[in-house]
Amino acid sequence: MELNGVIIAVLPAKSGVSARTGKPWFTQEYVIETSGQHPKKCCFEVFGEDRIKQFNLQQGQTVSIQIDIDASEYQGRWYNSIKCYNVTHTDLFGQQPAPEPQPVVQEVNEAGTDDLPF
């Protein structure tokens, strides 16, 4: 699933050590607000120190995020999990940055003129 909007909150990072593997883990939550007639807010999580640094999400940035939504049960209650796995930073107008223009190559035939009929 993909969401487009502005990062309105950056929550404190959390870390710990996995009881199962003994390896350290890092996670950070962010809140994105969509645009439109009825804006919505969504709190999502980025898991892993490398992804947190790679995405470098800051409050006020306009981004497009790709998320996975899942739910799990614990002692008879269900909990949602919204994890972000990809971020694209967009410009102020909510559009992706324009790609670099490619040079136009015009072919010339052996007579030294182009083959175009106009």
PDB file of N, CA and C in Angstrom:
ATOM      1  N   MET A   1       0.850  -1.164   0.000  1.00  0.00           N
ATOM      2  CA  MET A   1       0.000   0.000   0.000  1.00  0.00           C
ATOM      3  C   MET A   1       0.898   1.229   0.000  1.00  0.00           C
ATOM      4  N   GLU A   2       0.447   2.286  -0.661  1.00  0.00           N
ATOM      5  CA  GLU A   2       1.240   3.511  -0.744  1.00  0.00           C
ATOM      6  C   GLU A   2       0.451   4.689  -0.185  1.00  0.00           C
ATOM      7  N   LEU A   3       1.138   5.546   0.574  1.00  0.00           N
ATOM      8  CA  LEU A   3       0.556   6.769   1.120  1.00  0.00           C
ATOM      9  C   LEU A   3       1.429   7.943   0.729  1.00  0.00           C
ATOM     10  N   ASN A   4       0.800   9.066   0.385  1.00  0.00           N
ATOM     11  CA  ASN A   4       1.515  10.301   0.076  1.00  0.00           C
ATOM     12  C   ASN A   4       1.084  11.358   1.076  1.00  0.00           C
ATOM     13  N   GLY A   5       2.053  12.122   1.577  1.00  0.00           N
ATOM     14  CA  GLY A   5       1.702  13.163   2.526  1.00  0.00           C
ATOM     15  C   GLY A   5       2.916  13.817   3.131  1.00  0.00           C
ATOM     16  N   VAL A   6       2.676  14.510   4.241  1.00  0.00           N
ATOM     17  CA  VAL A   6       3.717  15.264   4.938  1.00  0.00           C
ATOM     18  C   VAL A   6       3.970  14.616   6.294  1.00  0.00           C
ATOM     19  N   ILE A   7       5.247  14.479   6.647  1.00  0.00           N
ATOM     20  CA  ILE A   7       5.610  13.963   7.967  1.00  0.00           C
ATOM     21  C   ILE A   7       5.303  15.057   8.990  1.00  0.00           C
ATOM     22  N   ILE A   8       4.360  14.781   9.917  1.00  0.00           N
ATOM     23  CA  ILE A   8       3.974  15.797  10.895  1.00  0.00           C
ATOM     24  C   ILE A   8       4.539  15.523  12.281  1.00  0.00           C
ATOM     25  N   ALA A   9       5.076  14.330  12.507  1.00  0.00           N
ATOM     26  CA  ALA A   9       5.672  14.016  13.809  1.00  0.00           C
ATOM     27  C   ALA A   9       6.742  12.939  13.644  1.00  0.00           C
ATOM     28  N   VAL A  10       7.840  13.139  14.364  1.00  0.00           N
ATOM     29  CA  VAL A  10       8.908  12.145  14.447  1.00  0.00           C
ATOM     30  C   VAL A  10       9.005  11.749  15.917  1.00  0.00           C
ATOM     31  N   LEU A  11       8.634  10.522  16.213  1.00  0.00           N
ATOM     32  CA  LEU A  11       8.614  10.057  17.600  1.00  0.00           C
ATOM     33  C   LEU A  11       9.993   9.541  18.007  1.00  0.00           C
ATOM     34  N   PRO A  12      10.280   9.480  19.299  1.00  0.00           N
ATOM     35  CA  PRO A  12      11.605   9.029  19.754  1.00  0.00           C
ATOM     36  C   PRO A  12      11.910   7.606  19.297  1.00  0.00           C
ATOM     37  N   ALA A  13      13.173   7.385  18.945  1.00  0.00           N
ATOM     38  CA  ALA A  13      13.617   6.054  18.541  1.00  0.00           C
ATOM     39  C   ALA A  13      13.612   5.120  19.745  1.00  0.00           C
ATOM     40  N   LYS A  14      13.392   3.840  19.482  1.00  0.00           N
ATOM     41  CA  LYS A  14      13.423   2.820  20.524  1.00  0.00           C
ATOM     42  C   LYS A  14      14.448   1.771  20.121  1.00  0.00           C
ATOM     43  N   SER A  15      15.082   1.154  21.117  1.00  0.00           N
ATOM     44  CA  SER A  15      16.045   0.096  20.832  1.00  0.00           C
ATOM     45  C   SER A  15      16.017  -0.925  21.947  1.00  0.00           C
ATOM     46  N   GLY A  16      16.596  -2.062  21.663  1.00  0.00           N
ATOM     47  CA  GLY A  16      16.659  -3.119  22.653  1.00  0.00           C
ATOM     48  C   GLY A  16      17.506  -4.263  22.133  1.00  0.00           C
ATOM     49  N   VAL A  17      17.460  -5.364  22.841  1.00  0.00           N
ATOM     50  CA  VAL A  17      18.188  -6.563  22.452  1.00  0.00           C
ATOM     51  C   VAL A  17      17.173  -7.695  22.355  1.00  0.00           C
ATOM     52  N   SER A  18      17.204  -8.411  21.247  1.00  0.00           N
ATOM     53  CA  SER A  18      16.282  -9.513  21.026  1.00  0.00           C
ATOM     54  C   SER A  18      16.532 -10.628  22.047  1.00  0.00           C
ATOM     55  N   ALA A  19      15.461 -11.059  22.711  1.00  0.00           N
ATOM     56  CA  ALA A  19      15.578 -12.153  23.676  1.00  0.00           C
ATOM     57  C   ALA A  19      15.865 -13.476  22.970  1.00  0.00           C
ATOM     58  N   ARG A  20      15.415 -13.576  21.720  1.00  0.00           N
ATOM     59  CA  ARG A  20      15.587 -14.821  20.979  1.00  0.00           C
ATOM     60  C   ARG A  20      16.978 -14.950  20.370  1.00  0.00           C
ATOM     61  N   THR A  21      17.474 -13.859  19.739  1.00  0.00           N
ATOM     62  CA  THR A  21      18.763 -13.935  19.030  1.00  0.00           C
ATOM     63  C   THR A  21      19.907 -13.262  19.769  1.00  0.00           C
ATOM     64  N   GLY A  22      19.579 -12.366  20.695  1.00  0.00           N
ATOM     65  CA  GLY A  22      20.625 -11.640  21.414  1.00  0.00           C
ATOM     66  C   GLY A  22      21.205 -10.473  20.633  1.00  0.00           C
ATOM     67  N   LYS A  23      20.617 -10.171  19.468  1.00  0.00           N
ATOM     68  CA  LYS A  23      21.116  -9.064  18.630  1.00  0.00           C
ATOM     69  C   LYS A  23      20.343  -7.782  18.935  1.00  0.00           C
ATOM     70  N   PRO A  24      21.003  -6.623  18.798  1.00  0.00           N
ATOM     71  CA  PRO A  24      20.313  -5.355  19.049  1.00  0.00           C
ATOM     72  C   PRO A  24      19.321  -5.039  17.926  1.00  0.00           C
ATOM     73  N   TRP A  25      18.245  -4.312  18.276  1.00  0.00           N
ATOM     74  CA  TRP A  25      17.272  -3.868  17.295  1.00  0.00           C
ATOM     75  C   TRP A  25      16.952  -2.395  17.525  1.00  0.00           C
ATOM     76  N   PHE A  26      16.504  -1.726  16.443  1.00  0.00           N
ATOM     77  CA  PHE A  26      16.149  -0.304  16.485  1.00  0.00           C
ATOM     78  C   PHE A  26      14.849  -0.111  15.723  1.00  0.00           C
ATOM     79  N   THR A  27      14.003   0.780  16.218  1.00  0.00           N
ATOM     80  CA  THR A  27      12.763   1.110  15.536  1.00  0.00           C
ATOM     81  C   THR A  27      12.413   2.571  15.822  1.00  0.00           C
ATOM     82  N   GLN A  28      11.719   3.201  14.881  1.00  0.00           N
ATOM     83  CA  GLN A  28      11.282   4.575  15.082  1.00  0.00           C
ATOM     84  C   GLN A  28       9.923   4.749  14.416  1.00  0.00           C
ATOM     85  N   GLU A  29       9.055   5.519  15.065  1.00  0.00           N
ATOM     86  CA  GLU A  29       7.714   5.761  14.539  1.00  0.00           C
ATOM     87  C   GLU A  29       7.601   7.204  14.049  1.00  0.00           C
ATOM     88  N   TYR A  30       6.775   7.365  13.026  1.00  0.00           N
ATOM     89  CA  TYR A  30       6.530   8.660  12.395  1.00  0.00           C
ATOM     90  C   TYR A  30       5.029   8.776  12.148  1.00  0.00           C
ATOM     91  N   VAL A  31       4.545  10.011  12.002  1.00  0.00           N
ATOM     92  CA  VAL A  31       3.151  10.243  11.658  1.00  0.00           C
ATOM     93  C   VAL A  31       3.124  11.010  10.352  1.00  0.00           C
ATOM     94  N   ILE A  32       2.356  10.482   9.379  1.00  0.00           N
ATOM     95  CA  ILE A  32       2.188  11.124   8.085  1.00  0.00           C
ATOM     96  C   ILE A  32       0.748  11.620   7.985  1.00  0.00           C
ATOM     97  N   GLU A  33       0.559  12.783   7.360  1.00  0.00           N
ATOM     98  CA  GLU A  33      -0.783  13.318   7.122  1.00  0.00           C
ATOM     99  C   GLU A  33      -0.988  13.439   5.628  1.00  0.00           C
ATOM    100  N   THR A  34      -2.052  12.814   5.128  1.00  0.00           N
ATOM    101  CA  THR A  34      -2.348  12.867   3.704  1.00  0.00           C
ATOM    102  C   THR A  34      -3.013  14.196   3.373  1.00  0.00           C
ATOM    103  N   SER A  35      -3.040  14.532   2.101  1.00  0.00           N
ATOM    104  CA  SER A  35      -3.698  15.770   1.677  1.00  0.00           C
ATOM    105  C   SER A  35      -5.064  15.422   1.096  1.00  0.00           C
ATOM    106  N   GLY A  36      -5.792  16.434   0.681  1.00  0.00           N
ATOM    107  CA  GLY A  36      -7.105  16.217   0.090  1.00  0.00           C
ATOM    108  C   GLY A  36      -8.190  16.858   0.923  1.00  0.00           C
ATOM    109  N   GLN A  37      -9.419  16.603   0.509  1.00  0.00           N
ATOM    110  CA  GLN A  37     -10.570  17.203   1.188  1.00  0.00           C
ATOM    111  C   GLN A  37     -10.700  16.690   2.625  1.00  0.00           C
ATOM    112  N   HIS A  38     -10.386  15.427   2.836  1.00  0.00           N
ATOM    113  CA  HIS A  38     -10.477  14.828   4.171  1.00  0.00           C
ATOM    114  C   HIS A  38      -9.127  14.212   4.534  1.00  0.00           C
ATOM    115  N   PRO A  39      -8.166  15.041   5.002  1.00  0.00           N
ATOM    116  CA  PRO A  39      -6.832  14.515   5.337  1.00  0.00           C
ATOM    117  C   PRO A  39      -6.904  13.465   6.440  1.00  0.00           C
ATOM    118  N   LYS A  40      -6.064  12.463   6.324  1.00  0.00           N
ATOM    119  CA  LYS A  40      -5.976  11.396   7.322  1.00  0.00           C
ATOM    120  C   LYS A  40      -4.561  11.357   7.881  1.00  0.00           C
ATOM    121  N   LYS A  41      -4.450  10.895   9.109  1.00  0.00           N
ATOM    122  CA  LYS A  41      -3.144  10.722   9.747  1.00  0.00           C
ATOM    123  C   LYS A  41      -2.902   9.227   9.958  1.00  0.00           C
ATOM    124  N   CYS A  42      -1.639   8.829   9.822  1.00  0.00           N
ATOM    125  CA  CYS A  42      -1.273   7.431  10.010  1.00  0.00           C
ATOM    126  C   CYS A  42       0.084   7.365  10.700  1.00  0.00           C
ATOM    127  N   CYS A  43       0.148   6.612  11.790  1.00  0.00           N
ATOM    128  CA  CYS A  43       1.409   6.383  12.482  1.00  0.00           C
ATOM    129  C   CYS A  43       2.009   5.104  11.925  1.00  0.00           C
ATOM    130  N   PHE A  44       3.260   5.172  11.473  1.00  0.00           N
ATOM    131  CA  PHE A  44       3.918   3.989  10.912  1.00  0.00           C
ATOM    132  C   PHE A  44       5.301   3.833  11.519  1.00  0.00           C
ATOM    133  N   GLU A  45       5.854   2.650  11.351  1.00  0.00           N
ATOM    134  CA  GLU A  45       7.121   2.287  11.975  1.00  0.00           C
ATOM    135  C   GLU A  45       8.161   1.954  10.907  1.00  0.00           C
ATOM    136  N   VAL A  46       9.390   2.390  11.152  1.00  0.00           N
ATOM    137  CA  VAL A  46      10.539   1.971  10.350  1.00  0.00           C
ATOM    138  C   VAL A  46      11.409   1.126  11.269  1.00  0.00           C
ATOM    139  N   PHE A  47      11.676  -0.111  10.849  1.00  0.00           N
ATOM    140  CA  PHE A  47      12.436  -1.043  11.682  1.00  0.00           C
ATOM    141  C   PHE A  47      13.839  -1.216  11.119  1.00  0.00           C
ATOM    142  N   GLY A  48      14.823  -1.082  11.959  1.00  0.00           N
ATOM    143  CA  GLY A  48      16.214  -1.288  11.567  1.00  0.00           C
ATOM    144  C   GLY A  48      16.981   0.016  11.494  1.00  0.00           C
ATOM    145  N   GLU A  49      18.132   0.053  12.158  1.00  0.00           N
ATOM    146  CA  GLU A  49      18.953   1.265  12.200  1.00  0.00           C
ATOM    147  C   GLU A  49      19.374   1.707  10.799  1.00  0.00           C
ATOM    148  N   ASP A  50      19.695   0.755   9.926  1.00  0.00           N
ATOM    149  CA  ASP A  50      20.130   1.109   8.576  1.00  0.00           C
ATOM    150  C   ASP A  50      19.014   1.783   7.781  1.00  0.00           C
ATOM    151  N   ARG A  51      17.771   1.297   7.893  1.00  0.00           N
ATOM    152  CA  ARG A  51      16.650   1.922   7.171  1.00  0.00           C
ATOM    153  C   ARG A  51      16.302   3.288   7.761  1.00  0.00           C
ATOM    154  N   ILE A  52      16.378   3.415   9.078  1.00  0.00           N
ATOM    155  CA  ILE A  52      16.090   4.709   9.709  1.00  0.00           C
ATOM    156  C   ILE A  52      17.052   5.757   9.164  1.00  0.00           C
ATOM    157  N   LYS A  53      18.327   5.418   9.083  1.00  0.00           N
ATOM    158  CA  LYS A  53      19.332   6.347   8.546  1.00  0.00           C
ATOM    159  C   LYS A  53      19.141   6.577   7.054  1.00  0.00           C
ATOM    160  N   GLN A  54      18.844   5.514   6.309  1.00  0.00           N
ATOM    161  CA  GLN A  54      18.667   5.619   4.858  1.00  0.00           C
ATOM    162  C   GLN A  54      17.488   6.525   4.506  1.00  0.00           C
ATOM    163  N   PHE A  55      16.346   6.337   5.167  1.00  0.00           N
ATOM    164  CA  PHE A  55      15.150   7.125   4.855  1.00  0.00           C
ATOM    165  C   PHE A  55      15.290   8.566   5.345  1.00  0.00           C
ATOM    166  N   ASN A  56      15.995   8.789   6.461  1.00  0.00           N
ATOM    167  CA  ASN A  56      16.264  10.112   7.000  1.00  0.00           C
ATOM    168  C   ASN A  56      15.010  10.997   7.004  1.00  0.00           C
ATOM    169  N   LEU A  57      13.943  10.502   7.592  1.00  0.00           N
ATOM    170  CA  LEU A  57      12.684  11.234   7.622  1.00  0.00           C
ATOM    171  C   LEU A  57      12.732  12.362   8.642  1.00  0.00           C
ATOM    172  N   GLN A  58      12.293  13.551   8.201  1.00  0.00           N
ATOM    173  CA  GLN A  58      12.277  14.735   9.054  1.00  0.00           C
ATOM    174  C   GLN A  58      10.883  15.348   9.028  1.00  0.00           C
ATOM    175  N   GLN A  59      10.511  15.980  10.116  1.00  0.00           N
ATOM    176  CA  GLN A  59       9.222  16.654  10.187  1.00  0.00           C
ATOM    177  C   GLN A  59       9.134  17.722   9.100  1.00  0.00           C
ATOM    178  N   GLY A  60       7.986  17.781   8.413  1.00  0.00           N
ATOM    179  CA  GLY A  60       7.756  18.770   7.370  1.00  0.00           C
ATOM    180  C   GLY A  60       8.070  18.276   5.968  1.00  0.00           C
ATOM    181  N   GLN A  61       8.713  17.125   5.840  1.00  0.00           N
ATOM    182  CA  GLN A  61       9.039  16.590   4.517  1.00  0.00           C
ATOM    183  C   GLN A  61       7.793  16.023   3.848  1.00  0.00           C
ATOM    184  N   THR A  62       7.696  16.230   2.528  1.00  0.00           N
ATOM    185  CA  THR A  62       6.650  15.612   1.733  1.00  0.00           C
ATOM    186  C   THR A  62       7.225  14.328   1.157  1.00  0.00           C
ATOM    187  N   VAL A  63       6.545  13.215   1.433  1.00  0.00           N
ATOM    188  CA  VAL A  63       7.069  11.906   1.034  1.00  0.00           C
ATOM    189  C   VAL A  63       5.964  11.013   0.494  1.00  0.00           C
ATOM    190  N   SER A  64       6.389   9.969  -0.172  1.00  0.00           N
ATOM    191  CA  SER A  64       5.529   8.866  -0.569  1.00  0.00           C
ATOM    192  C   SER A  64       6.109   7.632   0.116  1.00  0.00           C
ATOM    193  N   ILE A  65       5.284   6.942   0.911  1.00  0.00           N
ATOM    194  CA  ILE A  65       5.781   5.775   1.644  1.00  0.00           C
ATOM    195  C   ILE A  65       5.037   4.531   1.177  1.00  0.00           C
ATOM    196  N   GLN A  66       5.735   3.421   1.206  1.00  0.00           N
ATOM    197  CA  GLN A  66       5.119   2.131   0.927  1.00  0.00           C
ATOM    198  C   GLN A  66       5.111   1.360   2.240  1.00  0.00           C
ATOM    199  N   ILE A  67       3.926   0.832   2.584  1.00  0.00           N
ATOM    200  CA  ILE A  67       3.754   0.195   3.891  1.00  0.00           C
ATOM    201  C   ILE A  67       3.116  -1.184   3.769  1.00  0.00           C
ATOM    202  N   ASP A  68       3.362  -1.996   4.782  1.00  0.00           N
ATOM    203  CA  ASP A  68       2.678  -3.273   4.975  1.00  0.00           C
ATOM    204  C   ASP A  68       1.849  -3.151   6.236  1.00  0.00           C
ATOM    205  N   ILE A  69       0.625  -3.653   6.183  1.00  0.00           N
ATOM    206  CA  ILE A  69      -0.262  -3.632   7.341  1.00  0.00           C
ATOM    207  C   ILE A  69      -0.517  -5.076   7.762  1.00  0.00           C
ATOM    208  N   ASP A  70      -0.371  -5.345   9.047  1.00  0.00           N
ATOM    209  CA  ASP A  70      -0.607  -6.687   9.567  1.00  0.00           C
ATOM    210  C   ASP A  70      -1.201  -6.555  10.966  1.00  0.00           C
ATOM    211  N   ALA A  71      -1.814  -7.610  11.449  1.00  0.00           N
ATOM    212  CA  ALA A  71      -2.374  -7.631  12.802  1.00  0.00           C
ATOM    213  C   ALA A  71      -1.944  -8.916  13.486  1.00  0.00           C
ATOM    214  N   SER A  72      -1.765  -8.835  14.799  1.00  0.00           N
ATOM    215  CA  SER A  72      -1.418 -10.026  15.569  1.00  0.00           C
ATOM    216  C   SER A  72      -2.227 -10.042  16.864  1.00  0.00           C
ATOM    217  N   GLU A  73      -2.451 -11.236  17.375  1.00  0.00           N
ATOM    218  CA  GLU A  73      -3.258 -11.411  18.573  1.00  0.00           C
ATOM    219  C   GLU A  73      -2.352 -11.676  19.767  1.00  0.00           C
ATOM    220  N   TYR A  74      -2.670 -11.039  20.896  1.00  0.00           N
ATOM    221  CA  TYR A  74      -1.935 -11.262  22.130  1.00  0.00           C
ATOM    222  C   TYR A  74      -2.936 -11.251  23.278  1.00  0.00           C
ATOM    223  N   GLN A  75      -3.083 -12.362  23.959  1.00  0.00           N
ATOM    224  CA  GLN A  75      -3.977 -12.523  25.106  1.00  0.00           C
ATOM    225  C   GLN A  75      -5.401 -12.053  24.796  1.00  0.00           C
ATOM    226  N   GLY A  76      -5.895 -12.474  23.644  1.00  0.00           N
ATOM    227  CA  GLY A  76      -7.282 -12.177  23.272  1.00  0.00           C
ATOM    228  C   GLY A  76      -7.514 -10.811  22.662  1.00  0.00           C
ATOM    229  N   ARG A  77      -6.484  -9.981  22.538  1.00  0.00           N
ATOM    230  CA  ARG A  77      -6.619  -8.660  21.901  1.00  0.00           C
ATOM    231  C   ARG A  77      -5.840  -8.653  20.603  1.00  0.00           C
ATOM    232  N   TRP A  78      -6.309  -7.871  19.655  1.00  0.00           N
ATOM    233  CA  TRP A  78      -5.649  -7.751  18.352  1.00  0.00           C
ATOM    234  C   TRP A  78      -4.974  -6.401  18.246  1.00  0.00           C
ATOM    235  N   TYR A  79      -3.773  -6.406  17.674  1.00  0.00           N
ATOM    236  CA  TYR A  79      -2.967  -5.194  17.520  1.00  0.00           C
ATOM    237  C   TYR A  79      -2.534  -5.045  16.065  1.00  0.00           C
ATOM    238  N   ASN A  80      -2.671  -3.833  15.540  1.00  0.00           N
ATOM    239  CA  ASN A  80      -2.238  -3.544  14.176  1.00  0.00           C
ATOM    240  C   ASN A  80      -0.764  -3.158  14.156  1.00  0.00           C
ATOM    241  N   SER A  81      -0.126  -3.488  13.061  1.00  0.00           N
ATOM    242  CA  SER A  81       1.264  -3.116  12.836  1.00  0.00           C
ATOM    243  C   SER A  81       1.358  -2.523  11.435  1.00  0.00           C
ATOM    244  N   ILE A  82       1.868  -1.286  11.335  1.00  0.00           N
ATOM    245  CA  ILE A  82       2.036  -0.623  10.036  1.00  0.00           C
ATOM    246  C   ILE A  82       3.517  -0.346   9.874  1.00  0.00           C
ATOM    247  N   LYS A  83       4.168  -1.111   9.001  1.00  0.00           N
ATOM    248  CA  LYS A  83       5.616  -1.007   8.814  1.00  0.00           C
ATOM    249  C   LYS A  83       5.930  -0.450   7.432  1.00  0.00           C
ATOM    250  N   CYS A  84       6.823   0.527   7.418  1.00  0.00           N
ATOM    251  CA  CYS A  84       7.255   1.167   6.175  1.00  0.00           C
ATOM    252  C   CYS A  84       8.494   0.443   5.648  1.00  0.00           C
ATOM    253  N   TYR A  85       8.478   0.105   4.357  1.00  0.00           N
ATOM    254  CA  TYR A  85       9.636  -0.563   3.770  1.00  0.00           C
ATOM    255  C   TYR A  85      10.289   0.226   2.648  1.00  0.00           C
ATOM    256  N   ASN A  86       9.678   1.346   2.221  1.00  0.00           N
ATOM    257  CA  ASN A  86      10.292   2.172   1.184  1.00  0.00           C
ATOM    258  C   ASN A  86       9.777   3.602   1.299  1.00  0.00           C
ATOM    259  N   VAL A  87      10.663   4.565   1.043  1.00  0.00           N
ATOM    260  CA  VAL A  87      10.308   5.988   1.090  1.00  0.00           C
ATOM    261  C   VAL A  87      10.846   6.667  -0.149  1.00  0.00           C
ATOM    262  N   THR A  88       9.998   7.511  -0.758  1.00  0.00           N
ATOM    263  CA  THR A  88      10.432   8.364  -1.861  1.00  0.00           C
ATOM    264  C   THR A  88      10.179   9.805  -1.433  1.00  0.00           C
ATOM    265  N   HIS A  89      11.229  10.591  -1.379  1.00  0.00           N
ATOM    266  CA  HIS A  89      11.078  12.005  -1.035  1.00  0.00           C
ATOM    267  C   HIS A  89      10.542  12.728  -2.261  1.00  0.00           C
ATOM    268  N   THR A  90       9.522  13.567  -2.054  1.00  0.00           N
ATOM    269  CA  THR A  90       8.900  14.292  -3.160  1.00  0.00           C
ATOM    270  C   THR A  90       9.064  15.785  -2.947  1.00  0.00           C
ATOM    271  N   ASP A  91       8.781  16.563  -3.995  1.00  0.00           N
ATOM    272  CA  ASP A  91       8.936  18.018  -3.884  1.00  0.00           C
ATOM    273  C   ASP A  91       7.745  18.628  -3.152  1.00  0.00           C
ATOM    274  N   LEU A  92       7.720  19.936  -3.084  1.00  0.00           N
ATOM    275  CA  LEU A  92       6.684  20.650  -2.326  1.00  0.00           C
ATOM    276  C   LEU A  92       5.289  20.464  -2.882  1.00  0.00           C
ATOM    277  N   PHE A  93       5.163  20.088  -4.150  1.00  0.00           N
ATOM    278  CA  PHE A  93       3.853  19.962  -4.775  1.00  0.00           C
ATOM    279  C   PHE A  93       3.361  18.521  -4.773  1.00  0.00           C
ATOM    280  N   GLY A  94       4.066  17.632  -4.072  1.00  0.00           N
ATOM    281  CA  GLY A  94       3.627  16.257  -3.978  1.00  0.00           C
ATOM    282  C   GLY A  94       3.961  15.422  -5.200  1.00  0.00           C
ATOM    283  N   GLN A  95       4.802  15.929  -6.055  1.00  0.00           N
ATOM    284  CA  GLN A  95       5.205  15.197  -7.243  1.00  0.00           C
ATOM    285  C   GLN A  95       6.627  14.707  -7.071  1.00  0.00           C
ATOM    286  N   GLN A  96       6.940  13.609  -7.724  1.00  0.00           N
ATOM    287  CA  GLN A  96       8.304  13.132  -7.679  1.00  0.00           C
ATOM    288  C   GLN A  96       9.176  14.074  -8.488  1.00  0.00           C
ATOM    289  N   PRO A  97      10.442  14.242  -8.101  1.00  0.00           N
ATOM    290  CA  PRO A  97      11.326  15.115  -8.864  1.00  0.00           C
ATOM    291  C   PRO A  97      11.414  14.665 -10.315  1.00  0.00           C
ATOM    292  N   ALA A  98      11.446  15.639 -11.207  1.00  0.00           N
ATOM    293  CA  ALA A  98      11.514  15.339 -12.634  1.00  0.00           C
ATOM    294  C   ALA A  98      12.855  14.698 -12.971  1.00  0.00           C
ATOM    295  N   PRO A  99      12.846  13.699 -13.862  1.00  0.00           N
ATOM    296  CA  PRO A  99      14.113  13.096 -14.245  1.00  0.00           C
ATOM    297  C   PRO A  99      14.945  14.068 -15.068  1.00  0.00           C
ATOM    298  N   GLU A 100      16.252  13.831 -15.074  1.00  0.00           N
ATOM    299  CA  GLU A 100      17.151  14.674 -15.860  1.00  0.00           C
ATOM    300  C   GLU A 100      16.778  14.578 -17.340  1.00  0.00           C
ATOM    301  N   PRO A 101      16.727  15.708 -18.063  1.00  0.00           N
ATOM    302  CA  PRO A 101      16.391  15.633 -19.487  1.00  0.00           C
ATOM    303  C   PRO A 101      17.487  14.908 -20.256  1.00  0.00           C
ATOM    304  N   GLN A 102      17.056  14.103 -21.223  1.00  0.00           N
ATOM    305  CA  GLN A 102      17.986  13.366 -22.062  1.00  0.00           C
ATOM    306  C   GLN A 102      18.254  14.157 -23.337  1.00  0.00           C
ATOM    307  N   PRO A 103      19.501  14.153 -23.822  1.00  0.00           N
ATOM    308  CA  PRO A 103      19.790  14.875 -25.060  1.00  0.00           C
ATOM    309  C   PRO A 103      19.059  14.245 -26.241  1.00  0.00           C
ATOM    310  N   VAL A 104      18.616  15.064 -27.154  1.00  0.00           N
ATOM    311  CA  VAL A 104      17.923  14.592 -28.345  1.00  0.00           C
ATOM    312  C   VAL A 104      18.976  14.282 -29.398  1.00  0.00           C
ATOM    313  N   VAL A 105      18.904  13.070 -29.919  1.00  0.00           N
ATOM    314  CA  VAL A 105      19.848  12.658 -30.950  1.00  0.00           C
ATOM    315  C   VAL A 105      19.115  12.655 -32.273  1.00  0.00           C
ATOM    316  N   GLN A 106      19.633  13.397 -33.227  1.00  0.00           N
ATOM    317  CA  GLN A 106      19.007  13.469 -34.543  1.00  0.00           C
ATOM    318  C   GLN A 106      19.899  12.727 -35.528  1.00  0.00           C
ATOM    319  N   GLU A 107      19.319  11.735 -36.197  1.00  0.00           N
ATOM    320  CA  GLU A 107      20.094  10.958 -37.150  1.00  0.00           C
ATOM    321  C   GLU A 107      20.138  11.685 -38.487  1.00  0.00           C
ATOM    322  N   VAL A 108      21.284  11.612 -39.129  1.00  0.00           N
ATOM    323  CA  VAL A 108      21.472  12.251 -40.429  1.00  0.00           C
ATOM    324  C   VAL A 108      21.841  11.161 -41.421  1.00  0.00           C
ATOM    325  N   ASN A 109      21.189  11.177 -42.617  1.00  0.00           N
ATOM    326  CA  ASN A 109      21.501  10.140 -43.608  1.00  0.00           C
ATOM    327  C   ASN A 109      22.784  10.486 -44.357  1.00  0.00           C
ATOM    328  N   GLU A 110      23.173   9.636 -45.308  1.00  0.00           N
ATOM    329  CA  GLU A 110      24.450   9.814 -46.022  1.00  0.00           C
ATOM    330  C   GLU A 110      24.489  11.107 -46.821  1.00  0.00           C
ATOM    331  N   ALA A 111      23.349  11.612 -47.255  1.00  0.00           N
ATOM    332  CA  ALA A 111      23.322  12.837 -48.053  1.00  0.00           C
ATOM    333  C   ALA A 111      23.493  14.073 -47.175  1.00  0.00           C
ATOM    334  N   GLY A 112      23.517  13.901 -45.869  1.00  0.00           N
ATOM    335  CA  GLY A 112      23.715  15.029 -44.966  1.00  0.00           C
ATOM    336  C   GLY A 112      22.440  15.701 -44.547  1.00  0.00           C
ATOM    337  N   THR A 113      21.300  15.130 -44.876  1.00  0.00           N
ATOM    338  CA  THR A 113      20.024  15.709 -44.444  1.00  0.00           C
ATOM    339  C   THR A 113      19.318  14.696 -43.557  1.00  0.00           C
ATOM    340  N   ASP A 114      18.406  15.172 -42.755  1.00  0.00           N
ATOM    341  CA  ASP A 114      17.700  14.237 -41.886  1.00  0.00           C
ATOM    342  C   ASP A 114      16.601  13.531 -42.664  1.00  0.00           C
ATOM    343  N   ASP A 115      16.101  12.459 -42.120  1.00  0.00           N
ATOM    344  CA  ASP A 115      15.088  11.628 -42.795  1.00  0.00           C
ATOM    345  C   ASP A 115      13.667  12.067 -42.461  1.00  0.00           C
ATOM    346  N   LEU A 116      13.500  13.104 -41.699  1.00  0.00           N
ATOM    347  CA  LEU A 116      12.179  13.516 -41.286  1.00  0.00           C
ATOM    348  C   LEU A 116      11.424  14.176 -42.450  1.00  0.00           C
ATOM    349  N   PRO A 117      10.148  13.866 -42.620  1.00  0.00           N
ATOM    350  CA  PRO A 117       9.389  14.424 -43.742  1.00  0.00           C
ATOM    351  C   PRO A 117       8.938  15.863 -43.507  1.00  0.00           C
ATOM    352  N   PHE A 118       9.238  16.460 -42.427  1.00  0.00           N
ATOM    353  CA  PHE A 118       8.812  17.841 -42.155  1.00  0.00           C
ATOM    354  C   PHE A 118       9.958  18.703 -41.753  1.00  0.00           C
TER     355      PHE A 118
END
